[in-house]
Amino acid sequence: MPAPGYSAYVAPDKYAQIAWILGHGGKSEDDRRERLFQRVDELLAEVNEPRTIQELGVTKEQWDAALIELARNTFADPSIRTNPRIPMLKEIVELLNIGFSG
């Protein structure tokens, strides 16, 4: 179910529109989105922003101890219903682990 007030998912279109407005070019919407995401990556590198939770100093032991509760809280969050597909708890754990170590 899309977010209230929308009949379809609009994020991909909006990202492409943002890229066009910022002048990143691109012949297709996919190309525009890719250029936008690339520029965000470049900006994060320029300001030396950590890319993973591990880079913030969280140890593997701390992460493992908190992971299940984080996943459950994520699954219980009402905003999850705005995803194109509600993820299974196992998929949430996988995504969180990617956020931890990249």
PDB file of N, CA and C in Angstrom:
ATOM      1  N   MET A   1       0.850  -1.168   0.000  1.00  0.00           N
ATOM      2  CA  MET A   1       0.000   0.000   0.000  1.00  0.00           C
ATOM      3  C   MET A   1       0.903   1.241   0.000  1.00  0.00           C
ATOM      4  N   PRO A   2       0.711   2.146  -0.945  1.00  0.00           N
ATOM      5  CA  PRO A   2       1.504   3.381  -0.970  1.00  0.00           C
ATOM      6  C   PRO A   2       1.204   4.259   0.240  1.00  0.00           C
ATOM      7  N   ALA A   3       2.038   5.240   0.442  1.00  0.00           N
ATOM      8  CA  ALA A   3       1.853   6.182   1.545  1.00  0.00           C
ATOM      9  C   ALA A   3       0.515   6.891   1.387  1.00  0.00           C
ATOM     10  N   PRO A   4      -0.077   7.335   2.488  1.00  0.00           N
ATOM     11  CA  PRO A   4      -1.345   8.057   2.398  1.00  0.00           C
ATOM     12  C   PRO A   4      -1.241   9.245   1.439  1.00  0.00           C
ATOM     13  N   GLY A   5      -2.252   9.395   0.611  1.00  0.00           N
ATOM     14  CA  GLY A   5      -2.279  10.502  -0.333  1.00  0.00           C
ATOM     15  C   GLY A   5      -1.670  10.168  -1.688  1.00  0.00           C
ATOM     16  N   TYR A   6      -1.101   8.975  -1.829  1.00  0.00           N
ATOM     17  CA  TYR A   6      -0.492   8.574  -3.101  1.00  0.00           C
ATOM     18  C   TYR A   6      -1.152   7.291  -3.600  1.00  0.00           C
ATOM     19  N   SER A   7      -1.332   7.200  -4.888  1.00  0.00           N
ATOM     20  CA  SER A   7      -1.919   5.992  -5.453  1.00  0.00           C
ATOM     21  C   SER A   7      -0.843   5.053  -5.988  1.00  0.00           C
ATOM     22  N   ALA A   8       0.398   5.519  -6.016  1.00  0.00           N
ATOM     23  CA  ALA A   8       1.510   4.709  -6.509  1.00  0.00           C
ATOM     24  C   ALA A   8       2.790   5.168  -5.824  1.00  0.00           C
ATOM     25  N   TYR A   9       3.843   4.383  -5.960  1.00  0.00           N
ATOM     26  CA  TYR A   9       5.127   4.754  -5.383  1.00  0.00           C
ATOM     27  C   TYR A   9       5.768   5.814  -6.260  1.00  0.00           C
ATOM     28  N   VAL A  10       6.178   6.911  -5.641  1.00  0.00           N
ATOM     29  CA  VAL A  10       6.681   8.049  -6.401  1.00  0.00           C
ATOM     30  C   VAL A  10       8.160   8.325  -6.178  1.00  0.00           C
ATOM     31  N   ALA A  11       8.787   7.658  -5.231  1.00  0.00           N
ATOM     32  CA  ALA A  11      10.187   7.956  -4.903  1.00  0.00           C
ATOM     33  C   ALA A  11      11.114   7.862  -6.104  1.00  0.00           C
ATOM     34  N   PRO A  12      11.049   6.797  -6.905  1.00  0.00           N
ATOM     35  CA  PRO A  12      11.974   6.738  -8.053  1.00  0.00           C
ATOM     36  C   PRO A  12      11.825   7.934  -8.993  1.00  0.00           C
ATOM     37  N   ASP A  13      10.600   8.339  -9.250  1.00  0.00           N
ATOM     38  CA  ASP A  13      10.373   9.504 -10.114  1.00  0.00           C
ATOM     39  C   ASP A  13      10.910  10.777  -9.476  1.00  0.00           C
ATOM     40  N   LYS A  14      10.721  10.898  -8.176  1.00  0.00           N
ATOM     41  CA  LYS A  14      11.181  12.091  -7.470  1.00  0.00           C
ATOM     42  C   LYS A  14      12.704  12.184  -7.464  1.00  0.00           C
ATOM     43  N   TYR A  15      13.382  11.046  -7.269  1.00  0.00           N
ATOM     44  CA  TYR A  15      14.851  11.064  -7.311  1.00  0.00           C
ATOM     45  C   TYR A  15      15.350  11.495  -8.683  1.00  0.00           C
ATOM     46  N   ALA A  16      14.726  10.995  -9.726  1.00  0.00           N
ATOM     47  CA  ALA A  16      15.115  11.392 -11.088  1.00  0.00           C
ATOM     48  C   ALA A  16      14.866  12.880 -11.300  1.00  0.00           C
ATOM     49  N   GLN A  17      13.768  13.377 -10.774  1.00  0.00           N
ATOM     50  CA  GLN A  17      13.444  14.800 -10.902  1.00  0.00           C
ATOM     51  C   GLN A  17      14.457  15.657 -10.143  1.00  0.00           C
ATOM     52  N   ILE A  18      14.849  15.240  -8.961  1.00  0.00           N
ATOM     53  CA  ILE A  18      15.850  15.976  -8.187  1.00  0.00           C
ATOM     54  C   ILE A  18      17.159  16.056  -8.966  1.00  0.00           C
ATOM     55  N   ALA A  19      17.576  14.936  -9.557  1.00  0.00           N
ATOM     56  CA  ALA A  19      18.811  14.920 -10.341  1.00  0.00           C
ATOM     57  C   ALA A  19      18.724  15.896 -11.505  1.00  0.00           C
ATOM     58  N   TRP A  20      17.594  15.936 -12.179  1.00  0.00           N
ATOM     59  CA  TRP A  20      17.412  16.844 -13.314  1.00  0.00           C
ATOM     60  C   TRP A  20      17.474  18.297 -12.843  1.00  0.00           C
ATOM     61  N   ILE A  21      16.792  18.601 -11.732  1.00  0.00           N
ATOM     62  CA  ILE A  21      16.772  19.972 -11.194  1.00  0.00           C
ATOM     63  C   ILE A  21      18.177  20.411 -10.799  1.00  0.00           C
ATOM     64  N   LEU A  22      18.966  19.499 -10.231  1.00  0.00           N
ATOM     65  CA  LEU A  22      20.327  19.834  -9.805  1.00  0.00           C
ATOM     66  C   LEU A  22      21.316  19.873 -10.966  1.00  0.00           C
ATOM     67  N   GLY A  23      20.855  19.509 -12.150  1.00  0.00           N
ATOM     68  CA  GLY A  23      21.699  19.609 -13.335  1.00  0.00           C
ATOM     69  C   GLY A  23      22.674  18.463 -13.515  1.00  0.00           C
ATOM     70  N   HIS A  24      22.321  17.280 -13.021  1.00  0.00           N
ATOM     71  CA  HIS A  24      23.217  16.136 -13.157  1.00  0.00           C
ATOM     72  C   HIS A  24      23.075  15.426 -14.494  1.00  0.00           C
ATOM     73  N   GLY A  25      22.130  15.839 -15.315  1.00  0.00           N
ATOM     74  CA  GLY A  25      21.977  15.260 -16.648  1.00  0.00           C
ATOM     75  C   GLY A  25      21.457  13.848 -16.613  1.00  0.00           C
ATOM     76  N   GLY A  26      21.666  13.158 -17.701  1.00  0.00           N
ATOM     77  CA  GLY A  26      21.194  11.788 -17.834  1.00  0.00           C
ATOM     78  C   GLY A  26      20.092  11.705 -18.865  1.00  0.00           C
ATOM     79  N   LYS A  27      20.159  10.672 -19.706  1.00  0.00           N
ATOM     80  CA  LYS A  27      19.176  10.517 -20.776  1.00  0.00           C
ATOM     81  C   LYS A  27      17.906   9.822 -20.313  1.00  0.00           C
ATOM     82  N   SER A  28      18.019   8.965 -19.312  1.00  0.00           N
ATOM     83  CA  SER A  28      16.852   8.238 -18.810  1.00  0.00           C
ATOM     84  C   SER A  28      16.682   8.524 -17.317  1.00  0.00           C
ATOM     85  N   GLU A  29      15.518   8.162 -16.805  1.00  0.00           N
ATOM     86  CA  GLU A  29      15.303   8.337 -15.373  1.00  0.00           C
ATOM     87  C   GLU A  29      16.271   7.477 -14.565  1.00  0.00           C
ATOM     88  N   ASP A  30      16.537   6.271 -15.045  1.00  0.00           N
ATOM     89  CA  ASP A  30      17.505   5.404 -14.345  1.00  0.00           C
ATOM     90  C   ASP A  30      18.874   6.064 -14.307  1.00  0.00           C
ATOM     91  N   ASP A  31      19.283   6.645 -15.417  1.00  0.00           N
ATOM     92  CA  ASP A  31      20.581   7.317 -15.495  1.00  0.00           C
ATOM     93  C   ASP A  31      20.621   8.524 -14.563  1.00  0.00           C
ATOM     94  N   ARG A  32      19.540   9.295 -14.519  1.00  0.00           N
ATOM     95  CA  ARG A  32      19.482  10.465 -13.629  1.00  0.00           C
ATOM     96  C   ARG A  32      19.600  10.043 -12.171  1.00  0.00           C
ATOM     97  N   ARG A  33      18.846   8.998 -11.804  1.00  0.00           N
ATOM     98  CA  ARG A  33      18.914   8.518 -10.415  1.00  0.00           C
ATOM     99  C   ARG A  33      20.325   8.056 -10.089  1.00  0.00           C
ATOM    100  N   GLU A  34      20.931   7.313 -10.982  1.00  0.00           N
ATOM    101  CA  GLU A  34      22.288   6.808 -10.749  1.00  0.00           C
ATOM    102  C   GLU A  34      23.267   7.960 -10.558  1.00  0.00           C
ATOM    103  N   ARG A  35      23.124   8.995 -11.353  1.00  0.00           N
ATOM    104  CA  ARG A  35      24.011  10.166 -11.225  1.00  0.00           C
ATOM    105  C   ARG A  35      23.783  10.887  -9.897  1.00  0.00           C
ATOM    106  N   LEU A  36      22.540  10.976  -9.477  1.00  0.00           N
ATOM    107  CA  LEU A  36      22.238  11.602  -8.185  1.00  0.00           C
ATOM    108  C   LEU A  36      22.876  10.806  -7.055  1.00  0.00           C
ATOM    109  N   PHE A  37      22.689   9.500  -7.069  1.00  0.00           N
ATOM    110  CA  PHE A  37      23.246   8.665  -6.000  1.00  0.00           C
ATOM    111  C   PHE A  37      24.770   8.718  -6.004  1.00  0.00           C
ATOM    112  N   GLN A  38      25.369   8.774  -7.181  1.00  0.00           N
ATOM    113  CA  GLN A  38      26.825   8.891  -7.282  1.00  0.00           C
ATOM    114  C   GLN A  38      27.294  10.198  -6.649  1.00  0.00           C
ATOM    115  N   ARG A  39      26.559  11.270  -6.915  1.00  0.00           N
ATOM    116  CA  ARG A  39      26.951  12.571  -6.350  1.00  0.00           C
ATOM    117  C   ARG A  39      26.811  12.573  -4.831  1.00  0.00           C
ATOM    118  N   VAL A  40      25.785  11.938  -4.322  1.00  0.00           N
ATOM    119  CA  VAL A  40      25.627  11.829  -2.864  1.00  0.00           C
ATOM    120  C   VAL A  40      26.817  11.071  -2.281  1.00  0.00           C
ATOM    121  N   ASP A  41      27.219   9.973  -2.920  1.00  0.00           N
ATOM    122  CA  ASP A  41      28.400   9.226  -2.468  1.00  0.00           C
ATOM    123  C   ASP A  41      29.640  10.109  -2.462  1.00  0.00           C
ATOM    124  N   GLU A  42      29.807  10.901  -3.512  1.00  0.00           N
ATOM    125  CA  GLU A  42      30.964  11.796  -3.597  1.00  0.00           C
ATOM    126  C   GLU A  42      30.938  12.823  -2.470  1.00  0.00           C
ATOM    127  N   LEU A  43      29.776  13.389  -2.189  1.00  0.00           N
ATOM    128  CA  LEU A  43      29.663  14.375  -1.109  1.00  0.00           C
ATOM    129  C   LEU A  43      29.982  13.748   0.246  1.00  0.00           C
ATOM    130  N   LEU A  44      29.493  12.544   0.482  1.00  0.00           N
ATOM    131  CA  LEU A  44      29.794  11.863   1.743  1.00  0.00           C
ATOM    132  C   LEU A  44      31.288  11.633   1.894  1.00  0.00           C
ATOM    133  N   ALA A  45      31.950  11.272   0.810  1.00  0.00           N
ATOM    134  CA  ALA A  45      33.404  11.066   0.851  1.00  0.00           C
ATOM    135  C   ALA A  45      34.125  12.387   1.100  1.00  0.00           C
ATOM    136  N   GLU A  46      33.655  13.459   0.473  1.00  0.00           N
ATOM    137  CA  GLU A  46      34.299  14.766   0.630  1.00  0.00           C
ATOM    138  C   GLU A  46      34.274  15.246   2.077  1.00  0.00           C
ATOM    139  N   VAL A  47      33.203  14.963   2.800  1.00  0.00           N
ATOM    140  CA  VAL A  47      33.099  15.415   4.189  1.00  0.00           C
ATOM    141  C   VAL A  47      33.497  14.321   5.181  1.00  0.00           C
ATOM    142  N   ASN A  48      34.067  13.221   4.635  1.00  0.00           N
ATOM    143  CA  ASN A  48      34.574  12.123   5.455  1.00  0.00           C
ATOM    144  C   ASN A  48      33.501  11.551   6.379  1.00  0.00           C
ATOM    145  N   GLU A  49      32.314  11.349   5.833  1.00  0.00           N
ATOM    146  CA  GLU A  49      31.194  10.802   6.596  1.00  0.00           C
ATOM    147  C   GLU A  49      31.297   9.277   6.638  1.00  0.00           C
ATOM    148  N   PRO A  50      31.161   8.671   7.817  1.00  0.00           N
ATOM    149  CA  PRO A  50      31.214   7.207   7.899  1.00  0.00           C
ATOM    150  C   PRO A  50      30.127   6.587   7.024  1.00  0.00           C
ATOM    151  N   ARG A  51      30.439   5.454   6.427  1.00  0.00           N
ATOM    152  CA  ARG A  51      29.490   4.777   5.543  1.00  0.00           C
ATOM    153  C   ARG A  51      28.819   3.588   6.210  1.00  0.00           C
ATOM    154  N   THR A  52      29.354   3.141   7.330  1.00  0.00           N
ATOM    155  CA  THR A  52      28.784   1.984   8.019  1.00  0.00           C
ATOM    156  C   THR A  52      28.664   2.289   9.510  1.00  0.00           C
ATOM    157  N   ILE A  53      27.866   1.495  10.170  1.00  0.00           N
ATOM    158  CA  ILE A  53      27.734   1.625  11.620  1.00  0.00           C
ATOM    159  C   ILE A  53      29.032   1.214  12.300  1.00  0.00           C
ATOM    160  N   GLN A  54      29.698   0.241  11.726  1.00  0.00           N
ATOM    161  CA  GLN A  54      30.981  -0.210  12.272  1.00  0.00           C
ATOM    162  C   GLN A  54      32.003   0.924  12.264  1.00  0.00           C
ATOM    163  N   GLU A  55      31.997   1.731  11.218  1.00  0.00           N
ATOM    164  CA  GLU A  55      32.919   2.869  11.141  1.00  0.00           C
ATOM    165  C   GLU A  55      32.631   3.912  12.215  1.00  0.00           C
ATOM    166  N   LEU A  56      31.461   3.863  12.814  1.00  0.00           N
ATOM    167  CA  LEU A  56      31.128   4.774  13.910  1.00  0.00           C
ATOM    168  C   LEU A  56      31.684   4.306  15.249  1.00  0.00           C
ATOM    169  N   GLY A  57      32.261   3.096  15.263  1.00  0.00           N
ATOM    170  CA  GLY A  57      32.876   2.587  16.482  1.00  0.00           C
ATOM    171  C   GLY A  57      32.070   1.523  17.196  1.00  0.00           C
ATOM    172  N   VAL A  58      30.963   1.097  16.631  1.00  0.00           N
ATOM    173  CA  VAL A  58      30.175   0.027  17.235  1.00  0.00           C
ATOM    174  C   VAL A  58      30.893  -1.296  16.957  1.00  0.00           C
ATOM    175  N   THR A  59      31.118  -2.061  18.007  1.00  0.00           N
ATOM    176  CA  THR A  59      31.820  -3.340  17.846  1.00  0.00           C
ATOM    177  C   THR A  59      30.850  -4.413  17.355  1.00  0.00           C
ATOM    178  N   LYS A  60      31.408  -5.482  16.819  1.00  0.00           N
ATOM    179  CA  LYS A  60      30.594  -6.612  16.351  1.00  0.00           C
ATOM    180  C   LYS A  60      29.798  -7.205  17.509  1.00  0.00           C
ATOM    181  N   GLU A  61      30.400  -7.267  18.673  1.00  0.00           N
ATOM    182  CA  GLU A  61      29.719  -7.813  19.850  1.00  0.00           C
ATOM    183  C   GLU A  61      28.527  -6.936  20.242  1.00  0.00           C
ATOM    184  N   GLN A  62      28.724  -5.628  20.247  1.00  0.00           N
ATOM    185  CA  GLN A  62      27.624  -4.709  20.552  1.00  0.00           C
ATOM    186  C   GLN A  62      26.516  -4.845  19.513  1.00  0.00           C
ATOM    187  N   TRP A  63      26.924  -4.943  18.258  1.00  0.00           N
ATOM    188  CA  TRP A  63      25.952  -5.062  17.168  1.00  0.00           C
ATOM    189  C   TRP A  63      25.126  -6.340  17.309  1.00  0.00           C
ATOM    190  N   ASP A  64      25.808  -7.451  17.505  1.00  0.00           N
ATOM    191  CA  ASP A  64      25.112  -8.731  17.633  1.00  0.00           C
ATOM    192  C   ASP A  64      24.140  -8.733  18.807  1.00  0.00           C
ATOM    193  N   ALA A  65      24.518  -8.074  19.899  1.00  0.00           N
ATOM    194  CA  ALA A  65      23.655  -8.019  21.077  1.00  0.00           C
ATOM    195  C   ALA A  65      22.393  -7.190  20.825  1.00  0.00           C
ATOM    196  N   ALA A  66      22.467  -6.211  19.938  1.00  0.00           N
ATOM    197  CA  ALA A  66      21.336  -5.317  19.685  1.00  0.00           C
ATOM    198  C   ALA A  66      20.525  -5.687  18.448  1.00  0.00           C
ATOM    199  N   LEU A  67      21.051  -6.538  17.594  1.00  0.00           N
ATOM    200  CA  LEU A  67      20.481  -6.772  16.274  1.00  0.00           C
ATOM    201  C   LEU A  67      19.022  -7.244  16.290  1.00  0.00           C
ATOM    202  N   ILE A  68      18.702  -8.233  17.078  1.00  0.00           N
ATOM    203  CA  ILE A  68      17.336  -8.774  17.077  1.00  0.00           C
ATOM    204  C   ILE A  68      16.331  -7.729  17.530  1.00  0.00           C
ATOM    205  N   GLU A  69      16.667  -6.978  18.568  1.00  0.00           N
ATOM    206  CA  GLU A  69      15.755  -5.923  19.025  1.00  0.00           C
ATOM    207  C   GLU A  69      15.601  -4.836  17.962  1.00  0.00           C
ATOM    208  N   LEU A  70      16.701  -4.476  17.299  1.00  0.00           N
ATOM    209  CA  LEU A  70      16.626  -3.493  16.212  1.00  0.00           C
ATOM    210  C   LEU A  70      15.710  -3.982  15.087  1.00  0.00           C
ATOM    211  N   ALA A  71      15.857  -5.244  14.720  1.00  0.00           N
ATOM    212  CA  ALA A  71      15.034  -5.815  13.655  1.00  0.00           C
ATOM    213  C   ALA A  71      13.563  -5.840  14.052  1.00  0.00           C
ATOM    214  N   ARG A  72      13.277  -6.247  15.258  1.00  0.00           N
ATOM    215  CA  ARG A  72      11.880  -6.278  15.727  1.00  0.00           C
ATOM    216  C   ARG A  72      11.274  -4.877  15.757  1.00  0.00           C
ATOM    217  N   ASN A  73      12.045  -3.907  16.241  1.00  0.00           N
ATOM    218  CA  ASN A  73      11.540  -2.534  16.272  1.00  0.00           C
ATOM    219  C   ASN A  73      11.302  -1.998  14.861  1.00  0.00           C
ATOM    220  N   THR A  74      12.190  -2.357  13.953  1.00  0.00           N
ATOM    221  CA  THR A  74      12.030  -1.947  12.555  1.00  0.00           C
ATOM    222  C   THR A  74      10.756  -2.544  11.979  1.00  0.00           C
ATOM    223  N   PHE A  75      10.544  -3.821  12.223  1.00  0.00           N
ATOM    224  CA  PHE A  75       9.369  -4.512  11.693  1.00  0.00           C
ATOM    225  C   PHE A  75       8.085  -3.945  12.283  1.00  0.00           C
ATOM    226  N   ALA A  76       8.137  -3.498  13.535  1.00  0.00           N
ATOM    227  CA  ALA A  76       6.947  -2.966  14.208  1.00  0.00           C
ATOM    228  C   ALA A  76       6.652  -1.516  13.843  1.00  0.00           C
ATOM    229  N   ASP A  77       7.600  -0.822  13.241  1.00  0.00           N
ATOM    230  CA  ASP A  77       7.413   0.592  12.906  1.00  0.00           C
ATOM    231  C   ASP A  77       6.314   0.738  11.851  1.00  0.00           C
ATOM    232  N   PRO A  78       5.314   1.593  12.107  1.00  0.00           N
ATOM    233  CA  PRO A  78       4.209   1.731  11.154  1.00  0.00           C
ATOM    234  C   PRO A  78       4.634   2.261   9.777  1.00  0.00           C
ATOM    235  N   SER A  79       5.762   2.930   9.689  1.00  0.00           N
ATOM    236  CA  SER A  79       6.181   3.467   8.394  1.00  0.00           C
ATOM    237  C   SER A  79       6.608   2.364   7.432  1.00  0.00           C
ATOM    238  N   ILE A  80       6.782   1.156   7.931  1.00  0.00           N
ATOM    239  CA  ILE A  80       7.193   0.055   7.061  1.00  0.00           C
ATOM    240  C   ILE A  80       6.144  -0.226   5.987  1.00  0.00           C
ATOM    241  N   ARG A  81       4.900   0.160   6.242  1.00  0.00           N
ATOM    242  CA  ARG A  81       3.836  -0.119   5.268  1.00  0.00           C
ATOM    243  C   ARG A  81       3.958   0.725   4.006  1.00  0.00           C
ATOM    244  N   THR A  82       4.821   1.728   4.015  1.00  0.00           N
ATOM    245  CA  THR A  82       4.997   2.544   2.803  1.00  0.00           C
ATOM    246  C   THR A  82       6.030   1.959   1.857  1.00  0.00           C
ATOM    247  N   ASN A  83       6.635   0.832   2.230  1.00  0.00           N
ATOM    248  CA  ASN A  83       7.557   0.148   1.330  1.00  0.00           C
ATOM    249  C   ASN A  83       6.774  -0.517   0.207  1.00  0.00           C
ATOM    250  N   PRO A  84       7.383  -0.649  -0.962  1.00  0.00           N
ATOM    251  CA  PRO A  84       6.696  -1.355  -2.052  1.00  0.00           C
ATOM    252  C   PRO A  84       6.309  -2.784  -1.669  1.00  0.00           C
ATOM    253  N   ARG A  85       7.108  -3.395  -0.818  1.00  0.00           N
ATOM    254  CA  ARG A  85       6.814  -4.736  -0.324  1.00  0.00           C
ATOM    255  C   ARG A  85       7.301  -4.780   1.114  1.00  0.00           C
ATOM    256  N   ILE A  86       6.459  -5.227   2.017  1.00  0.00           N
ATOM    257  CA  ILE A  86       6.868  -5.307   3.419  1.00  0.00           C
ATOM    258  C   ILE A  86       7.880  -6.443   3.555  1.00  0.00           C
ATOM    259  N   PRO A  87       9.072  -6.129   4.063  1.00  0.00           N
ATOM    260  CA  PRO A  87      10.113  -7.165   4.164  1.00  0.00           C
ATOM    261  C   PRO A  87       9.827  -8.141   5.305  1.00  0.00           C
ATOM    262  N   MET A  88      10.329  -9.339   5.127  1.00  0.00           N
ATOM    263  CA  MET A  88      10.265 -10.340   6.184  1.00  0.00           C
ATOM    264  C   MET A  88      11.316  -9.956   7.237  1.00  0.00           C
ATOM    265  N   LEU A  89      11.142 -10.460   8.441  1.00  0.00           N
ATOM    266  CA  LEU A  89      12.081 -10.159   9.524  1.00  0.00           C
ATOM    267  C   LEU A  89      13.504 -10.567   9.135  1.00  0.00           C
ATOM    268  N   LYS A  90      13.660 -11.698   8.471  1.00  0.00           N
ATOM    269  CA  LYS A  90      14.976 -12.159   8.023  1.00  0.00           C
ATOM    270  C   LYS A  90      15.610 -11.148   7.071  1.00  0.00           C
ATOM    271  N   GLU A  91      14.807 -10.565   6.187  1.00  0.00           N
ATOM    272  CA  GLU A  91      15.326  -9.573   5.238  1.00  0.00           C
ATOM    273  C   GLU A  91      15.736  -8.291   5.949  1.00  0.00           C
ATOM    274  N   ILE A  92      14.996  -7.923   6.978  1.00  0.00           N
ATOM    275  CA  ILE A  92      15.363  -6.743   7.763  1.00  0.00           C
ATOM    276  C   ILE A  92      16.712  -6.965   8.429  1.00  0.00           C
ATOM    277  N   VAL A  93      16.922  -8.149   8.982  1.00  0.00           N
ATOM    278  CA  VAL A  93      18.201  -8.479   9.612  1.00  0.00           C
ATOM    279  C   VAL A  93      19.324  -8.366   8.574  1.00  0.00           C
ATOM    280  N   GLU A  94      19.090  -8.886   7.374  1.00  0.00           N
ATOM    281  CA  GLU A  94      20.099  -8.806   6.312  1.00  0.00           C
ATOM    282  C   GLU A  94      20.425  -7.346   5.968  1.00  0.00           C
ATOM    283  N   LEU A  95      19.402  -6.513   5.833  1.00  0.00           N
ATOM    284  CA  LEU A  95      19.621  -5.102   5.523  1.00  0.00           C
ATOM    285  C   LEU A  95      20.366  -4.381   6.640  1.00  0.00           C
ATOM    286  N   LEU A  96      19.981  -4.673   7.886  1.00  0.00           N
ATOM    287  CA  LEU A  96      20.679  -4.057   9.019  1.00  0.00           C
ATOM    288  C   LEU A  96      22.153  -4.469   9.035  1.00  0.00           C
ATOM    289  N   ASN A  97      22.421  -5.731   8.753  1.00  0.00           N
ATOM    290  CA  ASN A  97      23.818  -6.191   8.724  1.00  0.00           C
ATOM    291  C   ASN A  97      24.610  -5.511   7.614  1.00  0.00           C
ATOM    292  N   ILE A  98      23.977  -5.243   6.498  1.00  0.00           N
ATOM    293  CA  ILE A  98      24.648  -4.483   5.436  1.00  0.00           C
ATOM    294  C   ILE A  98      24.974  -3.073   5.944  1.00  0.00           C
ATOM    295  N   GLY A  99      24.058  -2.477   6.685  1.00  0.00           N
ATOM    296  CA  GLY A  99      24.312  -1.158   7.265  1.00  0.00           C
ATOM    297  C   GLY A  99      25.439  -1.172   8.286  1.00  0.00           C
ATOM    298  N   PHE A 100      25.607  -2.309   8.952  1.00  0.00           N
ATOM    299  CA  PHE A 100      26.669  -2.408   9.944  1.00  0.00           C
ATOM    300  C   PHE A 100      28.042  -2.471   9.287  1.00  0.00           C
ATOM    301  N   SER A 101      28.201  -3.354   8.318  1.00  0.00           N
ATOM    302  CA  SER A 101      29.547  -3.574   7.782  1.00  0.00           C
ATOM    303  C   SER A 101      29.726  -3.199   6.319  1.00  0.00           C
ATOM    304  N   GLY A 102      28.666  -2.801   5.663  1.00  0.00           N
ATOM    305  CA  GLY A 102      28.759  -2.410   4.261  1.00  0.00           C
ATOM    306  C   GLY A 102      28.550  -3.536   3.305  1.00  0.00           C
TER     307      GLY A 102
END
